[in-house]
Amino acid sequence: MIKQILVTGGAGFIGSNFIHHLLQTSSSYVTNIDSMTYAGKFENMAEFENHENYRFFSVDISNKEQLTKVFDRTYDAIVHFAAESHVDRSIENPSVFLNTNIIGTNYLLLALIEGRAKKMIYISTDEVYGSLDKDDLPFTEQSPLAANNPYSASKAGADLLVRSFYKTYQAPVITIRCSNNYGPRQDEEKFIPKIIARAVNNEKVPVYGDGLQIRDWLFVTDHCRALSKVLDHGEAGEIYNIGGGNERSNLDVAKRILDYLGKNCNLICHVKDRQGHDRRYGINWAKIHKELGWKPVISFDEGLVRTIEWYKTQFKDGTS
């Protein structure tokens, strides 16, 4: 039986990669909705825009009237990626993040309990856990929420809203908390694409503060594989951490990219640190491995090479 899947934010980085994965590995029919702001790009959907099992609506999830028109059928699942996700932008304008990330999620949850879908997978982030010290153990699903910037606070608020719908209405919801994704199609404002773009064009590479902030890096196709596992076998009400097991400092990542491209590390330029900058993220993904049999298969070095080679075709002669 062909499954009907509603993907929100499918013109963005992870969403578009997941749609590509879903259409390549299943017979599901995908409805994609995206508000097409700065992070949503038509070129991200080019590979599947004419696929017979795909349709697209330009819809803002925080606009209830717009959202209503996509529920012309009952979906087997909603996979909810749509979010404002740029930390720097959240510091400049928190209100936009609250509207999309909390109000938009609320409207989707209301549609769910009205019977418009059979379940919802909500894509959150490890940033809701806050920051780890150097010697702390990685975050587990039981770690308390301790968001430190408006973006992560808006996601934590949506996390709690999702939980409340499960507890109050028995809504069939599952929450995913993933570490930093990287790979093709990521917006140029994000760390790895920005470093590649600047390096390819021999421009200064900005690194916040001392550059020793640590992130756990997850290649996007590994994330997509994990989501497929959760979509098919995840338990309602559960939270699953998805991590790459690749903790690296920002400075180390920048140097690896420059080294691969044959560029001098003198291009690195330390800039004023971000306000409220979390020092370290680390994810314990033992639960999803034990219960659903998933583990990451793309090493950081392999994923970084694949990412750089893809972006090299995007960033040429100062253009993107």
C-alpha atoms as a PDB file:
ATOM      1  CA  MET A   1       0.000   0.000   0.000  1.00  0.00           C
ATOM      2  CA  ILE A   2       1.330   3.450  -0.931  1.00  0.00           C
ATOM      3  CA  LYS A   3       1.788   5.619   2.124  1.00  0.00           C
ATOM      4  CA  GLN A   4       0.759   9.271   2.107  1.00  0.00           C
ATOM      5  CA  ILE A   5       3.483  11.360   3.765  1.00  0.00           C
ATOM      6  CA  LEU A   6       3.274  15.088   4.484  1.00  0.00           C
ATOM      7  CA  VAL A   7       6.724  16.681   4.764  1.00  0.00           C
ATOM      8  CA  THR A   8       6.981  20.206   6.132  1.00  0.00           C
ATOM      9  CA  GLY A   9      10.019  22.268   5.199  1.00  0.00           C
ATOM     10  CA  GLY A  10      10.920  20.011   2.292  1.00  0.00           C
ATOM     11  CA  ALA A  11      12.632  22.770   0.304  1.00  0.00           C
ATOM     12  CA  GLY A  12      15.222  23.126   3.047  1.00  0.00           C
ATOM     13  CA  PHE A  13      18.406  21.212   3.706  1.00  0.00           C
ATOM     14  CA  ILE A  14      17.390  18.118   5.688  1.00  0.00           C
ATOM     15  CA  GLY A  15      13.819  18.061   4.386  1.00  0.00           C
ATOM     16  CA  SER A  16      14.828  17.958   0.721  1.00  0.00           C
ATOM     17  CA  ASN A  17      17.401  15.250   1.395  1.00  0.00           C
ATOM     18  CA  PHE A  18      14.750  13.217   3.210  1.00  0.00           C
ATOM     19  CA  ILE A  19      12.236  13.542   0.378  1.00  0.00           C
ATOM     20  CA  HIS A  20      14.906  12.408  -2.085  1.00  0.00           C
ATOM     21  CA  HIS A  21      15.673   9.434   0.191  1.00  0.00           C
ATOM     22  CA  LEU A  22      11.982   8.555   0.611  1.00  0.00           C
ATOM     23  CA  LEU A  23      11.210   8.645  -3.111  1.00  0.00           C
ATOM     24  CA  GLN A  24      14.301   6.566  -3.873  1.00  0.00           C
ATOM     25  CA  THR A  25      13.675   3.883  -1.239  1.00  0.00           C
ATOM     26  CA  SER A  26       9.889   3.563  -0.994  1.00  0.00           C
ATOM     27  CA  SER A  27       6.654   3.830  -2.956  1.00  0.00           C
ATOM     28  CA  SER A  28       5.326   6.576  -0.669  1.00  0.00           C
ATOM     29  CA  TYR A  29       3.451   9.576  -2.067  1.00  0.00           C
ATOM     30  CA  VAL A  30       4.991  12.763  -0.713  1.00  0.00           C
ATOM     31  CA  THR A  31       3.245  16.088  -0.235  1.00  0.00           C
ATOM     32  CA  ASN A  32       5.821  18.792   0.455  1.00  0.00           C
ATOM     33  CA  ILE A  33       4.976  22.165   2.002  1.00  0.00           C
ATOM     34  CA  ASP A  34       7.420  25.031   2.470  1.00  0.00           C
ATOM     35  CA  SER A  35       7.058  28.790   2.925  1.00  0.00           C
ATOM     36  CA  MET A  36      10.092  29.380   0.640  1.00  0.00           C
ATOM     37  CA  THR A  37      11.909  31.877   2.841  1.00  0.00           C
ATOM     38  CA  TYR A  38      15.723  32.280   2.794  1.00  0.00           C
ATOM     39  CA  ALA A  39      16.429  28.599   3.601  1.00  0.00           C
ATOM     40  CA  GLY A  40      13.879  27.065   1.214  1.00  0.00           C
ATOM     41  CA  LYS A  41      15.160  26.803  -2.349  1.00  0.00           C
ATOM     42  CA  PHE A  42      13.527  25.541  -5.523  1.00  0.00           C
ATOM     43  CA  GLU A  43      16.834  24.066  -6.671  1.00  0.00           C
ATOM     44  CA  ASN A  44      16.761  21.774  -3.614  1.00  0.00           C
ATOM     45  CA  MET A  45      13.633  20.162  -5.085  1.00  0.00           C
ATOM     46  CA  ALA A  46      14.822  19.958  -8.691  1.00  0.00           C
ATOM     47  CA  GLU A  47      15.726  16.251  -8.510  1.00  0.00           C
ATOM     48  CA  PHE A  48      12.197  15.172  -7.636  1.00  0.00           C
ATOM     49  CA  GLU A  49       9.864  18.018  -8.668  1.00  0.00           C
ATOM     50  CA  ASN A  50       8.499  15.978 -11.607  1.00  0.00           C
ATOM     51  CA  HIS A  51       8.295  12.665  -9.751  1.00  0.00           C
ATOM     52  CA  GLU A  52       4.896  11.014 -10.152  1.00  0.00           C
ATOM     53  CA  ASN A  53       4.633  10.437  -6.379  1.00  0.00           C
ATOM     54  CA  TYR A  54       5.274  14.037  -5.390  1.00  0.00           C
ATOM     55  CA  ARG A  55       3.461  17.364  -5.102  1.00  0.00           C
ATOM     56  CA  PHE A  56       4.376  20.744  -3.632  1.00  0.00           C
ATOM     57  CA  PHE A  57       2.492  23.580  -1.914  1.00  0.00           C
ATOM     58  CA  SER A  58       3.964  26.938  -0.972  1.00  0.00           C
ATOM     59  CA  VAL A  59       2.500  27.144   2.527  1.00  0.00           C
ATOM     60  CA  ASP A  60       3.442  28.856   5.780  1.00  0.00           C
ATOM     61  CA  ILE A  61       2.725  26.453   8.655  1.00  0.00           C
ATOM     62  CA  SER A  62       2.020  29.383  10.988  1.00  0.00           C
ATOM     63  CA  ASN A  63      -0.857  30.447   8.712  1.00  0.00           C
ATOM     64  CA  LYS A  64      -3.771  28.190   9.625  1.00  0.00           C
ATOM     65  CA  GLU A  65      -5.823  29.137   6.548  1.00  0.00           C
ATOM     66  CA  GLN A  66      -2.961  28.275   4.182  1.00  0.00           C
ATOM     67  CA  LEU A  67      -2.264  25.028   6.028  1.00  0.00           C
ATOM     68  CA  THR A  68      -5.872  23.838   5.749  1.00  0.00           C
ATOM     69  CA  LYS A  69      -5.656  23.437   1.963  1.00  0.00           C
ATOM     70  CA  VAL A  70      -3.032  20.677   2.130  1.00  0.00           C
ATOM     71  CA  PHE A  71      -5.273  18.453   4.248  1.00  0.00           C
ATOM     72  CA  ASP A  72      -7.343  17.238   1.314  1.00  0.00           C
ATOM     73  CA  ARG A  73      -6.468  13.683   2.352  1.00  0.00           C
ATOM     74  CA  THR A  74      -5.556  11.745   5.471  1.00  0.00           C
ATOM     75  CA  TYR A  75      -1.812  11.313   5.776  1.00  0.00           C
ATOM     76  CA  ASP A  76      -0.171   8.215   7.170  1.00  0.00           C
ATOM     77  CA  ALA A  77       2.445  10.480   8.712  1.00  0.00           C
ATOM     78  CA  ILE A  78       3.569  14.086   9.013  1.00  0.00           C
ATOM     79  CA  VAL A  79       7.348  14.498   9.089  1.00  0.00           C
ATOM     80  CA  HIS A  80       7.811  17.982  10.495  1.00  0.00           C
ATOM     81  CA  PHE A  81      11.119  19.683   9.567  1.00  0.00           C
ATOM     82  CA  ALA A  82       9.839  23.214   8.959  1.00  0.00           C
ATOM     83  CA  ALA A  83      11.527  25.661  11.314  1.00  0.00           C
ATOM     84  CA  GLU A  84      13.473  28.846  11.586  1.00  0.00           C
ATOM     85  CA  SER A  85      16.886  27.411  12.449  1.00  0.00           C
ATOM     86  CA  HIS A  86      19.625  30.051  12.182  1.00  0.00           C
ATOM     87  CA  VAL A  87      20.871  30.953  15.651  1.00  0.00           C
ATOM     88  CA  ASP A  88      22.295  34.338  14.602  1.00  0.00           C
ATOM     89  CA  ARG A  89      18.963  35.318  13.036  1.00  0.00           C
ATOM     90  CA  SER A  90      17.144  34.251  16.217  1.00  0.00           C
ATOM     91  CA  ILE A  91      19.311  36.613  18.255  1.00  0.00           C
ATOM     92  CA  GLU A  92      18.428  39.454  15.890  1.00  0.00           C
ATOM     93  CA  ASN A  93      14.680  38.694  15.711  1.00  0.00           C
ATOM     94  CA  PRO A  94      13.350  36.128  18.208  1.00  0.00           C
ATOM     95  CA  SER A  95       9.658  36.732  17.416  1.00  0.00           C
ATOM     96  CA  VAL A  96       9.813  35.120  13.969  1.00  0.00           C
ATOM     97  CA  PHE A  97      11.218  31.950  15.553  1.00  0.00           C
ATOM     98  CA  LEU A  98       8.454  31.726  18.128  1.00  0.00           C
ATOM     99  CA  ASN A  99       5.806  32.120  15.439  1.00  0.00           C
ATOM    100  CA  THR A 100       7.096  29.431  13.080  1.00  0.00           C
ATOM    101  CA  ASN A 101       8.569  26.968  15.537  1.00  0.00           C
ATOM    102  CA  ILE A 102       5.841  27.010  18.176  1.00  0.00           C
ATOM    103  CA  ILE A 103       2.649  28.345  16.578  1.00  0.00           C
ATOM    104  CA  GLY A 104       3.277  26.427  13.351  1.00  0.00           C
ATOM    105  CA  THR A 105       3.896  23.210  15.274  1.00  0.00           C
ATOM    106  CA  ASN A 106       0.685  23.834  17.242  1.00  0.00           C
ATOM    107  CA  TYR A 107      -1.392  23.987  14.052  1.00  0.00           C
ATOM    108  CA  LEU A 108       0.088  20.707  12.826  1.00  0.00           C
ATOM    109  CA  LEU A 109      -0.634  19.052  16.167  1.00  0.00           C
ATOM    110  CA  LEU A 110      -4.227  20.278  16.024  1.00  0.00           C
ATOM    111  CA  ALA A 111      -4.599  18.736  12.565  1.00  0.00           C
ATOM    112  CA  LEU A 112      -3.169  15.506  13.942  1.00  0.00           C
ATOM    113  CA  ILE A 113      -5.675  15.175  16.791  1.00  0.00           C
ATOM    114  CA  GLU A 114      -8.480  16.106  14.380  1.00  0.00           C
ATOM    115  CA  GLY A 115      -7.634  12.919  12.463  1.00  0.00           C
ATOM    116  CA  ARG A 116      -5.954  14.553   9.460  1.00  0.00           C
ATOM    117  CA  ALA A 117      -2.899  12.318   9.944  1.00  0.00           C
ATOM    118  CA  LYS A 118      -2.167   9.038  11.714  1.00  0.00           C
ATOM    119  CA  LYS A 119       1.080  10.168  13.387  1.00  0.00           C
ATOM    120  CA  MET A 120       3.676  12.913  13.416  1.00  0.00           C
ATOM    121  CA  ILE A 121       7.466  12.811  13.573  1.00  0.00           C
ATOM    122  CA  TYR A 122       8.725  16.096  15.012  1.00  0.00           C
ATOM    123  CA  ILE A 123      12.338  17.012  14.157  1.00  0.00           C
ATOM    124  CA  SER A 124      13.988  18.818  17.042  1.00  0.00           C
ATOM    125  CA  THR A 125      17.667  19.472  17.824  1.00  0.00           C
ATOM    126  CA  ASP A 126      20.346  18.649  20.380  1.00  0.00           C
ATOM    127  CA  GLU A 127      20.522  22.388  21.103  1.00  0.00           C
ATOM    128  CA  VAL A 128      17.452  22.104  23.351  1.00  0.00           C
ATOM    129  CA  TYR A 129      19.709  20.370  25.909  1.00  0.00           C
ATOM    130  CA  GLY A 130      21.991  23.386  26.227  1.00  0.00           C
ATOM    131  CA  SER A 131      25.751  23.113  26.586  1.00  0.00           C
ATOM    132  CA  LEU A 132      28.055  20.387  27.894  1.00  0.00           C
ATOM    133  CA  ASP A 133      31.294  20.883  29.771  1.00  0.00           C
ATOM    134  CA  LYS A 134      34.417  19.259  28.390  1.00  0.00           C
ATOM    135  CA  ASP A 135      34.249  16.131  30.561  1.00  0.00           C
ATOM    136  CA  ASP A 136      30.450  15.712  30.652  1.00  0.00           C
ATOM    137  CA  LEU A 137      28.863  12.595  29.201  1.00  0.00           C
ATOM    138  CA  PRO A 138      26.872  13.139  25.972  1.00  0.00           C
ATOM    139  CA  PHE A 139      23.192  14.060  26.178  1.00  0.00           C
ATOM    140  CA  THR A 140      20.652  11.254  26.518  1.00  0.00           C
ATOM    141  CA  GLU A 141      16.911  11.446  25.935  1.00  0.00           C
ATOM    142  CA  GLN A 142      16.515  11.979  29.707  1.00  0.00           C
ATOM    143  CA  SER A 143      18.794  15.044  29.807  1.00  0.00           C
ATOM    144  CA  PRO A 144      16.916  18.183  30.955  1.00  0.00           C
ATOM    145  CA  LEU A 145      16.093  20.926  28.474  1.00  0.00           C
ATOM    146  CA  ALA A 146      18.292  23.982  29.033  1.00  0.00           C
ATOM    147  CA  ALA A 147      18.146  26.109  25.881  1.00  0.00           C
ATOM    148  CA  ASN A 148      20.561  29.055  25.745  1.00  0.00           C
ATOM    149  CA  ASN A 149      19.485  31.076  22.683  1.00  0.00           C
ATOM    150  CA  PRO A 150      16.134  32.123  21.180  1.00  0.00           C
ATOM    151  CA  TYR A 151      16.326  29.470  18.434  1.00  0.00           C
ATOM    152  CA  SER A 152      16.895  26.559  20.800  1.00  0.00           C
ATOM    153  CA  ALA A 153      14.357  27.999  23.254  1.00  0.00           C
ATOM    154  CA  SER A 154      11.704  28.064  20.504  1.00  0.00           C
ATOM    155  CA  LYS A 155      12.515  24.444  19.641  1.00  0.00           C
ATOM    156  CA  ALA A 156      12.411  23.436  23.308  1.00  0.00           C
ATOM    157  CA  GLY A 157       9.018  25.123  23.593  1.00  0.00           C
ATOM    158  CA  ALA A 158       7.763  23.111  20.624  1.00  0.00           C
ATOM    159  CA  ASP A 159       9.275  19.936  22.158  1.00  0.00           C
ATOM    160  CA  LEU A 160       7.207  20.488  25.280  1.00  0.00           C
ATOM    161  CA  LEU A 161       4.102  21.260  23.223  1.00  0.00           C
ATOM    162  CA  VAL A 162       4.522  17.976  21.336  1.00  0.00           C
ATOM    163  CA  ARG A 163       4.941  16.129  24.644  1.00  0.00           C
ATOM    164  CA  SER A 164       1.820  17.816  26.053  1.00  0.00           C
ATOM    165  CA  PHE A 165      -0.295  16.675  23.093  1.00  0.00           C
ATOM    166  CA  TYR A 166       0.847  13.105  23.695  1.00  0.00           C
ATOM    167  CA  LYS A 167       0.113  13.269  27.419  1.00  0.00           C
ATOM    168  CA  THR A 168      -3.168  15.201  27.146  1.00  0.00           C
ATOM    169  CA  TYR A 169      -4.706  13.914  23.913  1.00  0.00           C
ATOM    170  CA  GLN A 170      -2.729  10.685  23.375  1.00  0.00           C
ATOM    171  CA  ALA A 171      -1.602  12.182  20.064  1.00  0.00           C
ATOM    172  CA  PRO A 172       0.631   9.718  18.125  1.00  0.00           C
ATOM    173  CA  VAL A 173       3.796  11.827  18.127  1.00  0.00           C
ATOM    174  CA  ILE A 174       7.507  10.990  18.105  1.00  0.00           C
ATOM    175  CA  THR A 175      10.324  13.469  18.725  1.00  0.00           C
ATOM    176  CA  ILE A 176      13.746  13.333  17.066  1.00  0.00           C
ATOM    177  CA  ARG A 177      16.672  15.263  18.546  1.00  0.00           C
ATOM    178  CA  CYS A 178      19.587  15.278  16.132  1.00  0.00           C
ATOM    179  CA  SER A 179      23.116  16.626  16.233  1.00  0.00           C
ATOM    180  CA  ASN A 180      24.579  19.075  13.691  1.00  0.00           C
ATOM    181  CA  ASN A 181      23.774  17.867  10.182  1.00  0.00           C
ATOM    182  CA  TYR A 182      26.039  18.531   7.222  1.00  0.00           C
ATOM    183  CA  GLY A 183      26.017  17.579   3.553  1.00  0.00           C
ATOM    184  CA  PRO A 184      24.679  18.761   0.180  1.00  0.00           C
ATOM    185  CA  ARG A 185      21.973  21.463  -0.074  1.00  0.00           C
ATOM    186  CA  GLN A 186      22.667  23.154   3.264  1.00  0.00           C
ATOM    187  CA  ASP A 187      22.104  26.907   3.348  1.00  0.00           C
ATOM    188  CA  GLU A 188      25.237  29.000   2.775  1.00  0.00           C
ATOM    189  CA  GLU A 189      24.778  30.771   6.114  1.00  0.00           C
ATOM    190  CA  LYS A 190      25.595  27.565   7.973  1.00  0.00           C
ATOM    191  CA  PHE A 191      29.115  26.839   9.227  1.00  0.00           C
ATOM    192  CA  ILE A 192      30.485  24.200   6.823  1.00  0.00           C
ATOM    193  CA  PRO A 193      29.061  25.679   3.562  1.00  0.00           C
ATOM    194  CA  LYS A 194      30.244  29.130   4.613  1.00  0.00           C
ATOM    195  CA  ILE A 195      33.794  27.862   5.225  1.00  0.00           C
ATOM    196  CA  ILE A 196      33.850  26.043   1.866  1.00  0.00           C
ATOM    197  CA  ALA A 197      32.488  29.046  -0.036  1.00  0.00           C
ATOM    198  CA  ARG A 198      34.985  31.464   1.481  1.00  0.00           C
ATOM    199  CA  ALA A 199      37.909  29.083   0.995  1.00  0.00           C
ATOM    200  CA  VAL A 200      37.084  28.288  -2.648  1.00  0.00           C
ATOM    201  CA  ASN A 201      37.094  32.012  -3.370  1.00  0.00           C
ATOM    202  CA  ASN A 202      40.214  32.736  -1.257  1.00  0.00           C
ATOM    203  CA  GLU A 203      38.271  34.914   1.167  1.00  0.00           C
ATOM    204  CA  LYS A 204      38.722  35.215   4.911  1.00  0.00           C
ATOM    205  CA  VAL A 205      37.121  32.348   6.837  1.00  0.00           C
ATOM    206  CA  PRO A 206      35.297  33.627   9.961  1.00  0.00           C
ATOM    207  CA  VAL A 207      35.464  31.516  13.129  1.00  0.00           C
ATOM    208  CA  TYR A 208      33.668  32.620  16.297  1.00  0.00           C
ATOM    209  CA  GLY A 209      35.832  33.325  19.342  1.00  0.00           C
ATOM    210  CA  ASP A 210      38.652  30.839  19.915  1.00  0.00           C
ATOM    211  CA  GLY A 211      36.983  28.275  17.632  1.00  0.00           C
ATOM    212  CA  LEU A 212      37.119  25.551  20.277  1.00  0.00           C
ATOM    213  CA  GLN A 213      33.346  25.111  20.463  1.00  0.00           C
ATOM    214  CA  ILE A 214      32.614  21.416  19.908  1.00  0.00           C
ATOM    215  CA  ARG A 215      29.798  19.998  17.796  1.00  0.00           C
ATOM    216  CA  ASP A 216      28.776  16.418  17.003  1.00  0.00           C
ATOM    217  CA  TRP A 217      28.519  16.123  13.205  1.00  0.00           C
ATOM    218  CA  LEU A 218      25.965  13.866  11.479  1.00  0.00           C
ATOM    219  CA  PHE A 219      25.981  13.345   7.719  1.00  0.00           C
ATOM    220  CA  VAL A 220      22.510  14.119   6.376  1.00  0.00           C
ATOM    221  CA  THR A 221      21.945  10.758   4.645  1.00  0.00           C
ATOM    222  CA  ASP A 222      22.585   8.974   7.949  1.00  0.00           C
ATOM    223  CA  HIS A 223      19.899  11.183   9.485  1.00  0.00           C
ATOM    224  CA  CYS A 224      17.507  10.275   6.650  1.00  0.00           C
ATOM    225  CA  ARG A 225      18.111   6.561   7.257  1.00  0.00           C
ATOM    226  CA  ALA A 226      17.355   7.045  10.937  1.00  0.00           C
ATOM    227  CA  LEU A 227      14.133   8.890  10.140  1.00  0.00           C
ATOM    228  CA  SER A 228      12.988   6.033   7.916  1.00  0.00           C
ATOM    229  CA  LYS A 229      13.535   3.645  10.824  1.00  0.00           C
ATOM    230  CA  VAL A 230      11.520   5.872  13.153  1.00  0.00           C
ATOM    231  CA  LEU A 231       8.789   6.378  10.559  1.00  0.00           C
ATOM    232  CA  ASP A 232       8.305   2.627  10.190  1.00  0.00           C
ATOM    233  CA  HIS A 233       9.057   1.329  13.680  1.00  0.00           C
ATOM    234  CA  GLY A 234       9.213   4.213  16.188  1.00  0.00           C
ATOM    235  CA  GLU A 235       6.949   4.150  19.245  1.00  0.00           C
ATOM    236  CA  ALA A 236       4.435   6.923  19.927  1.00  0.00           C
ATOM    237  CA  GLY A 237       5.437   9.220  22.757  1.00  0.00           C
ATOM    238  CA  GLU A 238       9.121   8.336  22.452  1.00  0.00           C
ATOM    239  CA  ILE A 239      12.143  10.586  21.929  1.00  0.00           C
ATOM    240  CA  TYR A 240      15.107   9.376  19.870  1.00  0.00           C
ATOM    241  CA  ASN A 241      18.523  11.030  19.855  1.00  0.00           C
ATOM    242  CA  ILE A 242      20.329  10.801  16.509  1.00  0.00           C
ATOM    243  CA  GLY A 243      24.035  11.563  16.625  1.00  0.00           C
ATOM    244  CA  GLY A 244      27.021  11.082  14.397  1.00  0.00           C
ATOM    245  CA  GLY A 245      29.596  10.212  17.052  1.00  0.00           C
ATOM    246  CA  ASN A 246      31.861  12.835  15.475  1.00  0.00           C
ATOM    247  CA  GLU A 247      32.666  15.522  18.034  1.00  0.00           C
ATOM    248  CA  ARG A 248      34.956  18.123  16.467  1.00  0.00           C
ATOM    249  CA  SER A 249      35.875  21.697  17.326  1.00  0.00           C
ATOM    250  CA  ASN A 250      34.860  24.393  14.869  1.00  0.00           C
ATOM    251  CA  LEU A 251      38.526  25.286  14.410  1.00  0.00           C
ATOM    252  CA  ASP A 252      39.404  21.686  13.568  1.00  0.00           C
ATOM    253  CA  VAL A 253      36.600  21.488  10.991  1.00  0.00           C
ATOM    254  CA  ALA A 254      37.701  24.753   9.363  1.00  0.00           C
ATOM    255  CA  LYS A 255      41.301  23.552   9.167  1.00  0.00           C
ATOM    256  CA  ARG A 256      40.262  20.200   7.648  1.00  0.00           C
ATOM    257  CA  ILE A 257      38.297  21.976   4.922  1.00  0.00           C
ATOM    258  CA  LEU A 258      41.160  24.348   4.137  1.00  0.00           C
ATOM    259  CA  ASP A 259      43.634  21.491   4.081  1.00  0.00           C
ATOM    260  CA  TYR A 260      41.516  19.438   1.678  1.00  0.00           C
ATOM    261  CA  LEU A 261      41.143  22.430  -0.641  1.00  0.00           C
ATOM    262  CA  GLY A 262      44.868  23.148  -0.494  1.00  0.00           C
ATOM    263  CA  LYS A 263      44.311  26.525   1.143  1.00  0.00           C
ATOM    264  CA  ASN A 264      46.455  28.229   3.784  1.00  0.00           C
ATOM    265  CA  CYS A 265      45.094  28.245   7.323  1.00  0.00           C
ATOM    266  CA  ASN A 266      46.012  31.936   7.435  1.00  0.00           C
ATOM    267  CA  LEU A 267      42.616  32.470   5.804  1.00  0.00           C
ATOM    268  CA  ILE A 268      41.044  31.779   9.219  1.00  0.00           C
ATOM    269  CA  CYS A 269      39.899  34.979  10.893  1.00  0.00           C
ATOM    270  CA  HIS A 270      38.716  34.857  14.511  1.00  0.00           C
ATOM    271  CA  VAL A 271      35.704  37.126  15.028  1.00  0.00           C
ATOM    272  CA  LYS A 272      33.746  38.259  18.082  1.00  0.00           C
ATOM    273  CA  ASP A 273      32.015  35.301  19.697  1.00  0.00           C
ATOM    274  CA  ARG A 274      28.274  34.793  19.356  1.00  0.00           C
ATOM    275  CA  GLN A 275      26.110  35.864  22.300  1.00  0.00           C
ATOM    276  CA  GLY A 276      25.152  32.889  24.460  1.00  0.00           C
ATOM    277  CA  HIS A 277      27.345  30.564  22.382  1.00  0.00           C
ATOM    278  CA  ASP A 278      27.083  26.959  23.600  1.00  0.00           C
ATOM    279  CA  ARG A 279      30.488  25.413  24.188  1.00  0.00           C
ATOM    280  CA  ARG A 280      29.864  21.755  23.421  1.00  0.00           C
ATOM    281  CA  TYR A 281      27.173  19.430  22.099  1.00  0.00           C
ATOM    282  CA  GLY A 282      27.398  15.650  22.240  1.00  0.00           C
ATOM    283  CA  ILE A 283      24.700  13.058  21.551  1.00  0.00           C
ATOM    284  CA  ASN A 284      24.280   9.560  22.965  1.00  0.00           C
ATOM    285  CA  TRP A 285      22.386   7.600  20.286  1.00  0.00           C
ATOM    286  CA  ALA A 286      22.406   4.218  22.066  1.00  0.00           C
ATOM    287  CA  LYS A 287      18.605   4.111  22.353  1.00  0.00           C
ATOM    288  CA  ILE A 288      17.831   4.233  18.633  1.00  0.00           C
ATOM    289  CA  HIS A 289      20.619   1.725  17.995  1.00  0.00           C
ATOM    290  CA  LYS A 290      19.282  -0.708  20.603  1.00  0.00           C
ATOM    291  CA  GLU A 291      15.579  -0.350  19.797  1.00  0.00           C
ATOM    292  CA  LEU A 292      15.557   0.261  16.019  1.00  0.00           C
ATOM    293  CA  GLY A 293      18.947  -1.041  14.883  1.00  0.00           C
ATOM    294  CA  TRP A 294      20.218   2.255  13.455  1.00  0.00           C
ATOM    295  CA  LYS A 295      23.782   3.523  13.538  1.00  0.00           C
ATOM    296  CA  PRO A 296      25.661   6.110  11.455  1.00  0.00           C
ATOM    297  CA  VAL A 297      27.687   4.633   8.598  1.00  0.00           C
ATOM    298  CA  ILE A 298      29.318   7.718   7.032  1.00  0.00           C
ATOM    299  CA  SER A 299      32.551   8.710   8.759  1.00  0.00           C
ATOM    300  CA  PHE A 300      33.216  12.397   9.268  1.00  0.00           C
ATOM    301  CA  ASP A 301      36.127  12.393   6.833  1.00  0.00           C
ATOM    302  CA  GLU A 302      34.100  10.651   4.115  1.00  0.00           C
ATOM    303  CA  GLY A 303      31.104  12.896   4.651  1.00  0.00           C
ATOM    304  CA  LEU A 304      33.223  16.036   4.634  1.00  0.00           C
ATOM    305  CA  VAL A 305      34.872  15.112   1.327  1.00  0.00           C
ATOM    306  CA  ARG A 306      31.487  14.381  -0.251  1.00  0.00           C
ATOM    307  CA  THR A 307      30.168  17.693   1.067  1.00  0.00           C
ATOM    308  CA  ILE A 308      33.130  19.735  -0.150  1.00  0.00           C
ATOM    309  CA  GLU A 309      33.021  18.174  -3.617  1.00  0.00           C
ATOM    310  CA  TRP A 310      29.318  18.985  -3.918  1.00  0.00           C
ATOM    311  CA  TYR A 311      29.776  22.592  -2.832  1.00  0.00           C
ATOM    312  CA  LYS A 312      32.779  23.123  -5.083  1.00  0.00           C
ATOM    313  CA  THR A 313      30.334  22.966  -7.984  1.00  0.00           C
ATOM    314  CA  GLN A 314      28.126  25.587  -6.293  1.00  0.00           C
ATOM    315  CA  PHE A 315      30.729  28.144  -5.243  1.00  0.00           C
ATOM    316  CA  LYS A 316      32.739  29.254  -8.254  1.00  0.00           C
ATOM    317  CA  ASP A 317      34.126  32.638  -9.226  1.00  0.00           C
ATOM    318  CA  GLY A 318      32.463  34.279  -6.238  1.00  0.00           C
ATOM    319  CA  THR A 319      28.975  33.032  -7.153  1.00  0.00           C
ATOM    320  CA  SER A 320      26.677  30.495  -5.536  1.00  0.00           C
END
